[in-house]
PDB file of N, CA and C in Angstrom:
ATOM      1  N   UNK A   1      -9.237 -84.868 -25.134  1.00  0.00           N
ATOM      2  CA  UNK A   1      -7.907 -84.302 -25.002  1.00  0.00           C
ATOM      3  C   UNK A   1      -7.712 -83.146 -26.000  1.00  0.00           C
ATOM      4  N   UNK A   2      -8.215 -83.314 -27.194  1.00  0.00           N
ATOM      5  CA  UNK A   2      -8.098 -82.282 -28.226  1.00  0.00           C
ATOM      6  C   UNK A   2      -8.867 -81.028 -27.804  1.00  0.00           C
ATOM      7  N   UNK A   3     -10.009 -81.180 -27.197  1.00  0.00           N
ATOM      8  CA  UNK A   3     -10.807 -80.039 -26.751  1.00  0.00           C
ATOM      9  C   UNK A   3     -10.087 -79.284 -25.638  1.00  0.00           C
ATOM     10  N   UNK A   4      -9.425 -79.977 -24.736  1.00  0.00           N
ATOM     11  CA  UNK A   4      -8.691 -79.342 -23.645  1.00  0.00           C
ATOM     12  C   UNK A   4      -7.534 -78.516 -24.216  1.00  0.00           C
ATOM     13  N   UNK A   5      -6.813 -79.046 -25.171  1.00  0.00           N
ATOM     14  CA  UNK A   5      -5.709 -78.309 -25.807  1.00  0.00           C
ATOM     15  C   UNK A   5      -6.221 -77.069 -26.520  1.00  0.00           C
ATOM     16  N   UNK A   6      -7.364 -77.162 -27.189  1.00  0.00           N
ATOM     17  CA  UNK A   6      -7.945 -76.026 -27.885  1.00  0.00           C
ATOM     18  C   UNK A   6      -8.337 -74.931 -26.896  1.00  0.00           C
ATOM     19  N   UNK A   7      -8.970 -75.298 -25.803  1.00  0.00           N
ATOM     20  CA  UNK A   7      -9.393 -74.328 -24.785  1.00  0.00           C
ATOM     21  C   UNK A   7      -8.163 -73.663 -24.163  1.00  0.00           C
ATOM     22  N   UNK A   8      -7.123 -74.445 -23.883  1.00  0.00           N
ATOM     23  CA  UNK A   8      -5.893 -73.902 -23.314  1.00  0.00           C
ATOM     24  C   UNK A   8      -5.258 -72.881 -24.268  1.00  0.00           C
ATOM     25  N   UNK A   9      -5.162 -73.216 -25.542  1.00  0.00           N
ATOM     26  CA  UNK A   9      -4.584 -72.313 -26.540  1.00  0.00           C
ATOM     27  C   UNK A   9      -5.413 -71.031 -26.652  1.00  0.00           C
ATOM     28  N   UNK A  10      -6.717 -71.160 -26.621  1.00  0.00           N
ATOM     29  CA  UNK A  10      -7.604 -70.012 -26.696  1.00  0.00           C
ATOM     30  C   UNK A  10      -7.422 -69.108 -25.467  1.00  0.00           C
ATOM     31  N   UNK A  11      -7.323 -69.712 -24.305  1.00  0.00           N
ATOM     32  CA  UNK A  11      -7.148 -68.962 -23.072  1.00  0.00           C
ATOM     33  C   UNK A  11      -5.815 -68.191 -23.067  1.00  0.00           C
ATOM     34  N   UNK A  12      -4.740 -68.837 -23.483  1.00  0.00           N
ATOM     35  CA  UNK A  12      -3.427 -68.194 -23.521  1.00  0.00           C
ATOM     36  C   UNK A  12      -3.424 -67.026 -24.507  1.00  0.00           C
ATOM     37  N   UNK A  13      -4.040 -67.211 -25.660  1.00  0.00           N
ATOM     38  CA  UNK A  13      -4.057 -66.119 -26.643  1.00  0.00           C
ATOM     39  C   UNK A  13      -4.894 -64.937 -26.156  1.00  0.00           C
ATOM     40  N   UNK A  14      -5.971 -65.195 -25.429  1.00  0.00           N
ATOM     41  CA  UNK A  14      -6.799 -64.105 -24.891  1.00  0.00           C
ATOM     42  C   UNK A  14      -6.023 -63.317 -23.833  1.00  0.00           C
ATOM     43  N   UNK A  15      -5.250 -63.994 -23.024  1.00  0.00           N
ATOM     44  CA  UNK A  15      -4.448 -63.317 -22.008  1.00  0.00           C
ATOM     45  C   UNK A  15      -3.395 -62.432 -22.673  1.00  0.00           C
ATOM     46  N   UNK A  16      -2.768 -62.943 -23.717  1.00  0.00           N
ATOM     47  CA  UNK A  16      -1.738 -62.178 -24.427  1.00  0.00           C
ATOM     48  C   UNK A  16      -2.336 -60.925 -25.057  1.00  0.00           C
ATOM     49  N   UNK A  17      -3.510 -61.024 -25.651  1.00  0.00           N
ATOM     50  CA  UNK A  17      -4.167 -59.868 -26.266  1.00  0.00           C
ATOM     51  C   UNK A  17      -4.540 -58.846 -25.197  1.00  0.00           C
ATOM     52  N   UNK A  18      -5.023 -59.307 -24.054  1.00  0.00           N
ATOM     53  CA  UNK A  18      -5.410 -58.396 -22.974  1.00  0.00           C
ATOM     54  C   UNK A  18      -4.203 -57.633 -22.438  1.00  0.00           C
ATOM     55  N   UNK A  19      -3.062 -58.304 -22.290  1.00  0.00           N
ATOM     56  CA  UNK A  19      -1.857 -57.623 -21.813  1.00  0.00           C
ATOM     57  C   UNK A  19      -1.384 -56.579 -22.815  1.00  0.00           C
ATOM     58  N   UNK A  20      -1.413 -56.918 -24.094  1.00  0.00           N
ATOM     59  CA  UNK A  20      -0.986 -55.986 -25.130  1.00  0.00           C
ATOM     60  C   UNK A  20      -1.880 -54.746 -25.133  1.00  0.00           C
ATOM     61  N   UNK A  21      -3.193 -54.953 -25.003  1.00  0.00           N
ATOM     62  CA  UNK A  21      -4.133 -53.838 -25.003  1.00  0.00           C
ATOM     63  C   UNK A  21      -3.916 -52.939 -23.789  1.00  0.00           C
ATOM     64  N   UNK A  22      -3.638 -53.518 -22.631  1.00  0.00           N
ATOM     65  CA  UNK A  22      -3.437 -52.698 -21.434  1.00  0.00           C
ATOM     66  C   UNK A  22      -2.133 -51.906 -21.528  1.00  0.00           C
ATOM     67  N   UNK A  23      -1.087 -52.474 -22.125  1.00  0.00           N
ATOM     68  CA  UNK A  23       0.164 -51.754 -22.285  1.00  0.00           C
ATOM     69  C   UNK A  23      -0.003 -50.617 -23.285  1.00  0.00           C
ATOM     70  N   UNK A  24      -0.754 -50.827 -24.347  1.00  0.00           N
ATOM     71  CA  UNK A  24      -0.993 -49.769 -25.330  1.00  0.00           C
ATOM     72  C   UNK A  24      -1.786 -48.635 -24.703  1.00  0.00           C
ATOM     73  N   UNK A  25      -2.784 -48.973 -23.895  1.00  0.00           N
ATOM     74  CA  UNK A  25      -3.593 -47.952 -23.236  1.00  0.00           C
ATOM     75  C   UNK A  25      -2.757 -47.156 -22.260  1.00  0.00           C
ATOM     76  N   UNK A  26      -1.878 -47.803 -21.528  1.00  0.00           N
ATOM     77  CA  UNK A  26      -1.017 -47.101 -20.576  1.00  0.00           C
ATOM     78  C   UNK A  26      -0.069 -46.172 -21.307  1.00  0.00           C
ATOM     79  N   UNK A  27       0.477 -46.587 -22.415  1.00  0.00           N
ATOM     80  CA  UNK A  27       1.397 -45.756 -23.190  1.00  0.00           C
ATOM     81  C   UNK A  27       0.724 -44.525 -23.739  1.00  0.00           C
ATOM     82  N   UNK A  28      -0.482 -44.677 -24.282  1.00  0.00           N
ATOM     83  CA  UNK A  28      -1.174 -43.514 -24.831  1.00  0.00           C
ATOM     84  C   UNK A  28      -1.644 -42.595 -23.716  1.00  0.00           C
ATOM     85  N   UNK A  29      -1.951 -43.130 -22.553  1.00  0.00           N
ATOM     86  CA  UNK A  29      -2.351 -42.321 -21.412  1.00  0.00           C
ATOM     87  C   UNK A  29      -1.192 -41.450 -20.944  1.00  0.00           C
ATOM     88  N   UNK A  30       0.008 -42.017 -20.876  1.00  0.00           N
ATOM     89  CA  UNK A  30       1.164 -41.247 -20.451  1.00  0.00           C
ATOM     90  C   UNK A  30       1.488 -40.166 -21.465  1.00  0.00           C
ATOM     91  N   UNK A  31       1.388 -40.455 -22.736  1.00  0.00           N
ATOM     92  CA  UNK A  31       1.675 -39.454 -23.768  1.00  0.00           C
ATOM     93  C   UNK A  31       0.673 -38.309 -23.686  1.00  0.00           C
ATOM     94  N   UNK A  32      -0.583 -38.622 -23.394  1.00  0.00           N
ATOM     95  CA  UNK A  32      -1.597 -37.586 -23.267  1.00  0.00           C
ATOM     96  C   UNK A  32      -1.366 -36.704 -22.058  1.00  0.00           C
ATOM     97  N   UNK A  33      -0.823 -37.255 -20.979  1.00  0.00           N
ATOM     98  CA  UNK A  33      -0.578 -36.485 -19.776  1.00  0.00           C
ATOM     99  C   UNK A  33       0.576 -35.522 -19.965  1.00  0.00           C
ATOM    100  N   UNK A  34       1.564 -35.878 -20.757  1.00  0.00           N
ATOM    101  CA  UNK A  34       2.723 -35.024 -20.958  1.00  0.00           C
ATOM    102  C   UNK A  34       2.320 -33.704 -21.607  1.00  0.00           C
ATOM    103  N   UNK A  35       1.423 -33.726 -22.566  1.00  0.00           N
ATOM    104  CA  UNK A  35       1.021 -32.508 -23.244  1.00  0.00           C
ATOM    105  C   UNK A  35       2.175 -31.850 -23.976  1.00  0.00           C
ATOM    106  N   UNK A  36       3.105 -32.642 -24.425  1.00  0.00           N
ATOM    107  CA  UNK A  36       4.292 -32.093 -25.054  1.00  0.00           C
ATOM    108  C   UNK A  36       4.456 -32.630 -26.456  1.00  0.00           C
ATOM    109  N   UNK A  37       5.322 -31.971 -27.204  1.00  0.00           N
ATOM    110  CA  UNK A  37       5.632 -32.450 -28.548  1.00  0.00           C
ATOM    111  C   UNK A  37       7.117 -32.271 -28.797  1.00  0.00           C
ATOM    112  N   UNK A  38       7.656 -33.133 -29.625  1.00  0.00           N
ATOM    113  CA  UNK A  38       9.084 -33.074 -29.922  1.00  0.00           C
ATOM    114  C   UNK A  38       9.365 -31.870 -30.812  1.00  0.00           C
ATOM    115  N   UNK A  39      10.320 -31.053 -30.397  1.00  0.00           N
ATOM    116  CA  UNK A  39      10.718 -29.873 -31.151  1.00  0.00           C
ATOM    117  C   UNK A  39      12.088 -29.434 -30.652  1.00  0.00           C
ATOM    118  N   UNK A  40      12.527 -28.248 -31.064  1.00  0.00           N
ATOM    119  CA  UNK A  40      13.829 -27.770 -30.612  1.00  0.00           C
ATOM    120  C   UNK A  40      13.701 -26.394 -29.973  1.00  0.00           C
ATOM    121  N   UNK A  41      14.646 -26.127 -29.070  1.00  0.00           N
ATOM    122  CA  UNK A  41      14.723 -24.847 -28.385  1.00  0.00           C
ATOM    123  C   UNK A  41      16.179 -24.406 -28.446  1.00  0.00           C
ATOM    124  N   UNK A  42      16.394 -23.150 -28.836  1.00  0.00           N
ATOM    125  CA  UNK A  42      17.753 -22.596 -28.882  1.00  0.00           C
ATOM    126  C   UNK A  42      17.878 -21.493 -27.853  1.00  0.00           C
ATOM    127  N   UNK A  43      19.025 -21.455 -27.197  1.00  0.00           N
ATOM    128  CA  UNK A  43      19.257 -20.411 -26.215  1.00  0.00           C
ATOM    129  C   UNK A  43      20.489 -20.683 -25.395  1.00  0.00           C
ATOM    130  N   UNK A  44      20.627 -19.907 -24.332  1.00  0.00           N
ATOM    131  CA  UNK A  44      21.791 -20.014 -23.449  1.00  0.00           C
ATOM    132  C   UNK A  44      21.415 -20.855 -22.234  1.00  0.00           C
ATOM    133  N   UNK A  45      22.264 -21.847 -21.937  1.00  0.00           N
ATOM    134  CA  UNK A  45      22.050 -22.698 -20.777  1.00  0.00           C
ATOM    135  C   UNK A  45      22.404 -21.899 -19.527  1.00  0.00           C
ATOM    136  N   UNK A  46      21.553 -21.984 -18.512  1.00  0.00           N
ATOM    137  CA  UNK A  46      21.810 -21.296 -17.254  1.00  0.00           C
ATOM    138  C   UNK A  46      23.055 -21.836 -16.568  1.00  0.00           C
ATOM    139  N   UNK A  47      23.613 -21.055 -15.661  1.00  0.00           N
ATOM    140  CA  UNK A  47      24.833 -21.453 -14.956  1.00  0.00           C
ATOM    141  C   UNK A  47      24.653 -22.729 -14.141  1.00  0.00           C
ATOM    142  N   UNK A  48      23.408 -23.000 -13.717  1.00  0.00           N
ATOM    143  CA  UNK A  48      23.145 -24.219 -12.950  1.00  0.00           C
ATOM    144  C   UNK A  48      22.814 -25.411 -13.845  1.00  0.00           C
ATOM    145  N   UNK A  49      22.598 -25.163 -15.151  1.00  0.00           N
ATOM    146  CA  UNK A  49      22.271 -26.238 -16.090  1.00  0.00           C
ATOM    147  C   UNK A  49      20.834 -26.707 -16.016  1.00  0.00           C
ATOM    148  N   UNK A  50      20.015 -26.015 -15.231  1.00  0.00           N
ATOM    149  CA  UNK A  50      18.613 -26.422 -15.061  1.00  0.00           C
ATOM    150  C   UNK A  50      17.652 -25.647 -15.947  1.00  0.00           C
ATOM    151  N   UNK A  51      18.158 -24.719 -16.740  1.00  0.00           N
ATOM    152  CA  UNK A  51      17.275 -23.905 -17.564  1.00  0.00           C
ATOM    153  C   UNK A  51      17.982 -23.448 -18.833  1.00  0.00           C
ATOM    154  N   UNK A  52      17.148 -23.033 -19.793  1.00  0.00           N
ATOM    155  CA  UNK A  52      17.626 -22.448 -21.041  1.00  0.00           C
ATOM    156  C   UNK A  52      16.832 -21.165 -21.252  1.00  0.00           C
ATOM    157  N   UNK A  53      17.532 -20.082 -21.585  1.00  0.00           N
ATOM    158  CA  UNK A  53      16.867 -18.815 -21.885  1.00  0.00           C
ATOM    159  C   UNK A  53      17.004 -18.579 -23.375  1.00  0.00           C
ATOM    160  N   UNK A  54      15.851 -18.498 -24.087  1.00  0.00           N
ATOM    161  CA  UNK A  54      15.900 -18.318 -25.537  1.00  0.00           C
ATOM    162  C   UNK A  54      16.117 -16.850 -25.893  1.00  0.00           C
ATOM    163  N   UNK A  55      16.186 -16.561 -27.202  1.00  0.00           N
ATOM    164  CA  UNK A  55      16.504 -15.207 -27.666  1.00  0.00           C
ATOM    165  C   UNK A  55      15.433 -14.183 -27.289  1.00  0.00           C
ATOM    166  N   UNK A  56      14.203 -14.653 -27.021  1.00  0.00           N
ATOM    167  CA  UNK A  56      13.122 -13.759 -26.620  1.00  0.00           C
ATOM    168  C   UNK A  56      13.093 -13.521 -25.117  1.00  0.00           C
ATOM    169  N   UNK A  57      14.033 -14.146 -24.397  1.00  0.00           N
ATOM    170  CA  UNK A  57      14.078 -13.993 -22.939  1.00  0.00           C
ATOM    171  C   UNK A  57      13.200 -14.975 -22.197  1.00  0.00           C
ATOM    172  N   UNK A  58      12.580 -15.891 -22.924  1.00  0.00           N
ATOM    173  CA  UNK A  58      11.719 -16.891 -22.295  1.00  0.00           C
ATOM    174  C   UNK A  58      12.598 -17.964 -21.656  1.00  0.00           C
ATOM    175  N   UNK A  59      12.306 -18.296 -20.409  1.00  0.00           N
ATOM    176  CA  UNK A  59      13.089 -19.286 -19.685  1.00  0.00           C
ATOM    177  C   UNK A  59      12.386 -20.641 -19.741  1.00  0.00           C
ATOM    178  N   UNK A  60      13.136 -21.671 -20.114  1.00  0.00           N
ATOM    179  CA  UNK A  60      12.636 -23.039 -20.196  1.00  0.00           C
ATOM    180  C   UNK A  60      13.287 -23.868 -19.096  1.00  0.00           C
ATOM    181  N   UNK A  61      12.500 -24.530 -18.289  1.00  0.00           N
ATOM    182  CA  UNK A  61      13.021 -25.426 -17.264  1.00  0.00           C
ATOM    183  C   UNK A  61      13.390 -26.742 -17.931  1.00  0.00           C
ATOM    184  N   UNK A  62      14.548 -27.282 -17.591  1.00  0.00           N
ATOM    185  CA  UNK A  62      15.012 -28.552 -18.157  1.00  0.00           C
ATOM    186  C   UNK A  62      14.680 -29.660 -17.157  1.00  0.00           C
ATOM    187  N   UNK A  63      13.856 -30.617 -17.584  1.00  0.00           N
ATOM    188  CA  UNK A  63      13.422 -31.678 -16.665  1.00  0.00           C
ATOM    189  C   UNK A  63      14.498 -32.731 -16.427  1.00  0.00           C
ATOM    190  N   UNK A  64      15.482 -32.804 -17.307  1.00  0.00           N
ATOM    191  CA  UNK A  64      16.605 -33.740 -17.130  1.00  0.00           C
ATOM    192  C   UNK A  64      17.929 -32.981 -17.290  1.00  0.00           C
ATOM    193  N   UNK A  65      18.301 -32.196 -16.274  1.00  0.00           N
ATOM    194  CA  UNK A  65      19.476 -31.318 -16.393  1.00  0.00           C
ATOM    195  C   UNK A  65      20.792 -32.059 -16.606  1.00  0.00           C
ATOM    196  N   UNK A  66      20.857 -33.343 -16.298  1.00  0.00           N
ATOM    197  CA  UNK A  66      22.093 -34.097 -16.546  1.00  0.00           C
ATOM    198  C   UNK A  66      22.447 -34.107 -18.033  1.00  0.00           C
ATOM    199  N   UNK A  67      21.441 -33.967 -18.901  1.00  0.00           N
ATOM    200  CA  UNK A  67      21.685 -33.963 -20.344  1.00  0.00           C
ATOM    201  C   UNK A  67      22.476 -32.725 -20.778  1.00  0.00           C
ATOM    202  N   UNK A  68      22.462 -31.668 -19.962  1.00  0.00           N
ATOM    203  CA  UNK A  68      23.167 -30.429 -20.310  1.00  0.00           C
ATOM    204  C   UNK A  68      24.479 -30.267 -19.544  1.00  0.00           C
ATOM    205  N   UNK A  69      24.874 -31.289 -18.819  1.00  0.00           N
ATOM    206  CA  UNK A  69      26.111 -31.222 -18.029  1.00  0.00           C
ATOM    207  C   UNK A  69      27.290 -30.866 -18.942  1.00  0.00           C
ATOM    208  N   UNK A  70      28.046 -29.851 -18.554  1.00  0.00           N
ATOM    209  CA  UNK A  70      29.186 -29.397 -19.344  1.00  0.00           C
ATOM    210  C   UNK A  70      28.847 -28.292 -20.326  1.00  0.00           C
ATOM    211  N   UNK A  71      27.561 -27.954 -20.467  1.00  0.00           N
ATOM    212  CA  UNK A  71      27.146 -26.905 -21.404  1.00  0.00           C
ATOM    213  C   UNK A  71      26.702 -25.633 -20.676  1.00  0.00           C
ATOM    214  N   UNK A  72      26.915 -25.554 -19.368  1.00  0.00           N
ATOM    215  CA  UNK A  72      26.481 -24.405 -18.585  1.00  0.00           C
ATOM    216  C   UNK A  72      27.070 -23.120 -19.166  1.00  0.00           C
ATOM    217  N   UNK A  73      26.200 -22.116 -19.400  1.00  0.00           N
ATOM    218  CA  UNK A  73      26.640 -20.830 -19.930  1.00  0.00           C
ATOM    219  C   UNK A  73      26.853 -20.797 -21.433  1.00  0.00           C
ATOM    220  N   UNK A  74      26.673 -21.913 -22.123  1.00  0.00           N
ATOM    221  CA  UNK A  74      26.895 -21.966 -23.572  1.00  0.00           C
ATOM    222  C   UNK A  74      25.596 -21.790 -24.351  1.00  0.00           C
ATOM    223  N   UNK A  75      25.748 -21.348 -25.593  1.00  0.00           N
ATOM    224  CA  UNK A  75      24.627 -21.266 -26.527  1.00  0.00           C
ATOM    225  C   UNK A  75      24.429 -22.658 -27.133  1.00  0.00           C
ATOM    226  N   UNK A  76      23.204 -23.178 -27.058  1.00  0.00           N
ATOM    227  CA  UNK A  76      22.914 -24.518 -27.567  1.00  0.00           C
ATOM    228  C   UNK A  76      21.567 -24.545 -28.276  1.00  0.00           C
ATOM    229  N   UNK A  77      21.384 -25.593 -29.051  1.00  0.00           N
ATOM    230  CA  UNK A  77      20.075 -25.947 -29.581  1.00  0.00           C
ATOM    231  C   UNK A  77      19.797 -27.347 -29.078  1.00  0.00           C
ATOM    232  N   UNK A  78      18.684 -27.497 -28.368  1.00  0.00           N
ATOM    233  CA  UNK A  78      18.316 -28.811 -27.844  1.00  0.00           C
ATOM    234  C   UNK A  78      17.084 -29.303 -28.583  1.00  0.00           C
ATOM    235  N   UNK A  79      17.041 -30.596 -28.791  1.00  0.00           N
ATOM    236  CA  UNK A  79      15.856 -31.233 -29.349  1.00  0.00           C
ATOM    237  C   UNK A  79      15.284 -32.124 -28.269  1.00  0.00           C
ATOM    238  N   UNK A  80      13.967 -32.142 -28.184  1.00  0.00           N
ATOM    239  CA  UNK A  80      13.325 -32.961 -27.170  1.00  0.00           C
ATOM    240  C   UNK A  80      11.848 -32.680 -27.091  1.00  0.00           C
ATOM    241  N   UNK A  81      11.257 -33.166 -26.009  1.00  0.00           N
ATOM    242  CA  UNK A  81       9.833 -32.969 -25.777  1.00  0.00           C
ATOM    243  C   UNK A  81       9.630 -31.640 -25.065  1.00  0.00           C
ATOM    244  N   UNK A  82       8.880 -30.751 -25.707  1.00  0.00           N
ATOM    245  CA  UNK A  82       8.652 -29.417 -25.173  1.00  0.00           C
ATOM    246  C   UNK A  82       7.207 -29.299 -24.723  1.00  0.00           C
ATOM    247  N   UNK A  83       7.026 -28.845 -23.493  1.00  0.00           N
ATOM    248  CA  UNK A  83       5.695 -28.582 -22.956  1.00  0.00           C
ATOM    249  C   UNK A  83       5.569 -27.070 -22.804  1.00  0.00           C
ATOM    250  N   UNK A  84       4.919 -26.438 -23.778  1.00  0.00           N
ATOM    251  CA  UNK A  84       4.809 -24.976 -23.791  1.00  0.00           C
ATOM    252  C   UNK A  84       3.987 -24.448 -22.626  1.00  0.00           C
ATOM    253  N   UNK A  85       3.014 -25.230 -22.174  1.00  0.00           N
ATOM    254  CA  UNK A  85       2.173 -24.783 -21.063  1.00  0.00           C
ATOM    255  C   UNK A  85       2.974 -24.640 -19.777  1.00  0.00           C
ATOM    256  N   UNK A  86       3.971 -25.490 -19.598  1.00  0.00           N
ATOM    257  CA  UNK A  86       4.789 -25.461 -18.382  1.00  0.00           C
ATOM    258  C   UNK A  86       6.151 -24.802 -18.606  1.00  0.00           C
ATOM    259  N   UNK A  87       6.430 -24.377 -19.845  1.00  0.00           N
ATOM    260  CA  UNK A  87       7.762 -23.869 -20.207  1.00  0.00           C
ATOM    261  C   UNK A  87       8.831 -24.860 -19.774  1.00  0.00           C
ATOM    262  N   UNK A  88       8.630 -26.115 -20.166  1.00  0.00           N
ATOM    263  CA  UNK A  88       9.531 -27.185 -19.754  1.00  0.00           C
ATOM    264  C   UNK A  88       9.977 -27.980 -20.970  1.00  0.00           C
ATOM    265  N   UNK A  89      11.217 -28.439 -20.943  1.00  0.00           N
ATOM    266  CA  UNK A  89      11.754 -29.244 -22.034  1.00  0.00           C
ATOM    267  C   UNK A  89      12.481 -30.449 -21.445  1.00  0.00           C
ATOM    268  N   UNK A  90      12.267 -31.608 -22.050  1.00  0.00           N
ATOM    269  CA  UNK A  90      13.015 -32.819 -21.716  1.00  0.00           C
ATOM    270  C   UNK A  90      13.979 -33.044 -22.867  1.00  0.00           C
ATOM    271  N   UNK A  91      15.262 -32.856 -22.608  1.00  0.00           N
ATOM    272  CA  UNK A  91      16.299 -32.848 -23.637  1.00  0.00           C
ATOM    273  C   UNK A  91      16.591 -34.263 -24.119  1.00  0.00           C
ATOM    274  N   UNK A  92      16.570 -34.438 -25.443  1.00  0.00           N
ATOM    275  CA  UNK A  92      16.970 -35.698 -26.065  1.00  0.00           C
ATOM    276  C   UNK A  92      18.340 -35.576 -26.715  1.00  0.00           C
ATOM    277  N   UNK A  93      18.650 -34.391 -27.284  1.00  0.00           N
ATOM    278  CA  UNK A  93      19.972 -34.171 -27.878  1.00  0.00           C
ATOM    279  C   UNK A  93      20.347 -32.697 -27.736  1.00  0.00           C
ATOM    280  N   UNK A  94      21.650 -32.453 -27.697  1.00  0.00           N
ATOM    281  CA  UNK A  94      22.185 -31.096 -27.524  1.00  0.00           C
ATOM    282  C   UNK A  94      23.199 -30.823 -28.619  1.00  0.00           C
ATOM    283  N   UNK A  95      23.126 -29.623 -29.195  1.00  0.00           N
ATOM    284  CA  UNK A  95      24.107 -29.211 -30.195  1.00  0.00           C
ATOM    285  C   UNK A  95      24.574 -27.808 -29.839  1.00  0.00           C
ATOM    286  N   UNK A  96      25.889 -27.644 -29.779  1.00  0.00           N
ATOM    287  CA  UNK A  96      26.448 -26.319 -29.494  1.00  0.00           C
ATOM    288  C   UNK A  96      26.194 -25.408 -30.696  1.00  0.00           C
ATOM    289  N   UNK A  97      25.892 -24.140 -30.428  1.00  0.00           N
ATOM    290  CA  UNK A  97      25.705 -23.152 -31.490  1.00  0.00           C
ATOM    291  C   UNK A  97      26.613 -21.968 -31.207  1.00  0.00           C
ATOM    292  N   UNK A  98      26.875 -21.215 -32.251  1.00  0.00           N
ATOM    293  CA  UNK A  98      27.694 -20.016 -32.107  1.00  0.00           C
ATOM    294  C   UNK A  98      26.852 -18.937 -31.444  1.00  0.00           C
ATOM    295  N   UNK A  99      27.419 -18.216 -30.488  1.00  0.00           N
ATOM    296  CA  UNK A  99      26.672 -17.110 -29.884  1.00  0.00           C
ATOM    297  C   UNK A  99      26.402 -16.038 -30.924  1.00  0.00           C
ATOM    298  N   UNK A 100      25.233 -15.443 -30.852  1.00  0.00           N
ATOM    299  CA  UNK A 100      24.898 -14.386 -31.820  1.00  0.00           C
ATOM    300  C   UNK A 100      25.688 -13.131 -31.477  1.00  0.00           C
ATOM    301  N   UNK A 101      26.248 -12.542 -32.488  1.00  0.00           N
ATOM    302  CA  UNK A 101      27.007 -11.292 -32.289  1.00  0.00           C
ATOM    303  C   UNK A 101      26.304 -10.194 -33.061  1.00  0.00           C
ATOM    304  N   UNK A 102      25.943  -9.173 -32.357  1.00  0.00           N
ATOM    305  CA  UNK A 102      25.262  -8.038 -32.969  1.00  0.00           C
ATOM    306  C   UNK A 102      26.299  -6.987 -33.326  1.00  0.00           C
ATOM    307  N   UNK A 103      26.554  -6.805 -34.628  1.00  0.00           N
ATOM    308  CA  UNK A 103      27.577  -5.869 -35.070  1.00  0.00           C
ATOM    309  C   UNK A 103      27.037  -4.460 -35.280  1.00  0.00           C
ATOM    310  N   UNK A 104      25.733  -4.297 -35.208  1.00  0.00           N
ATOM    311  CA  UNK A 104      25.142  -2.971 -35.386  1.00  0.00           C
ATOM    312  C   UNK A 104      25.010  -2.326 -34.013  1.00  0.00           C
ATOM    313  N   UNK A 105      25.725  -1.263 -33.792  1.00  0.00           N
ATOM    314  CA  UNK A 105      25.656  -0.562 -32.510  1.00  0.00           C
ATOM    315  C   UNK A 105      24.864   0.718 -32.702  1.00  0.00           C
ATOM    316  N   UNK A 106      24.030   0.983 -31.737  1.00  0.00           N
ATOM    317  CA  UNK A 106      23.181   2.170 -31.824  1.00  0.00           C
ATOM    318  C   UNK A 106      23.745   3.294 -31.020  1.00  0.00           C
TER     319      UNK A 106
END
């Protein structure tokens, strides 16, 4: 009876370790596929809320435009996962910024 309990405990612990390892592998696989890193992007939100145009004129596609709802046309700084290869950002937080005013006229 003692041997059966030992084998059962060993079997259950091996299953638990295998599940943990597979979940860790899946998580690192998804992170590798994203090719992104957490950073910030500042610029003007497009009228449709699906993009941000930074000060250099570079357009960033927003993968979760609901996060920018109500900020259409405003100057913002967003923090989130940025994929430079795709010019895409997944917004985690939004902060309103003052629009830049250029007082030097040529």
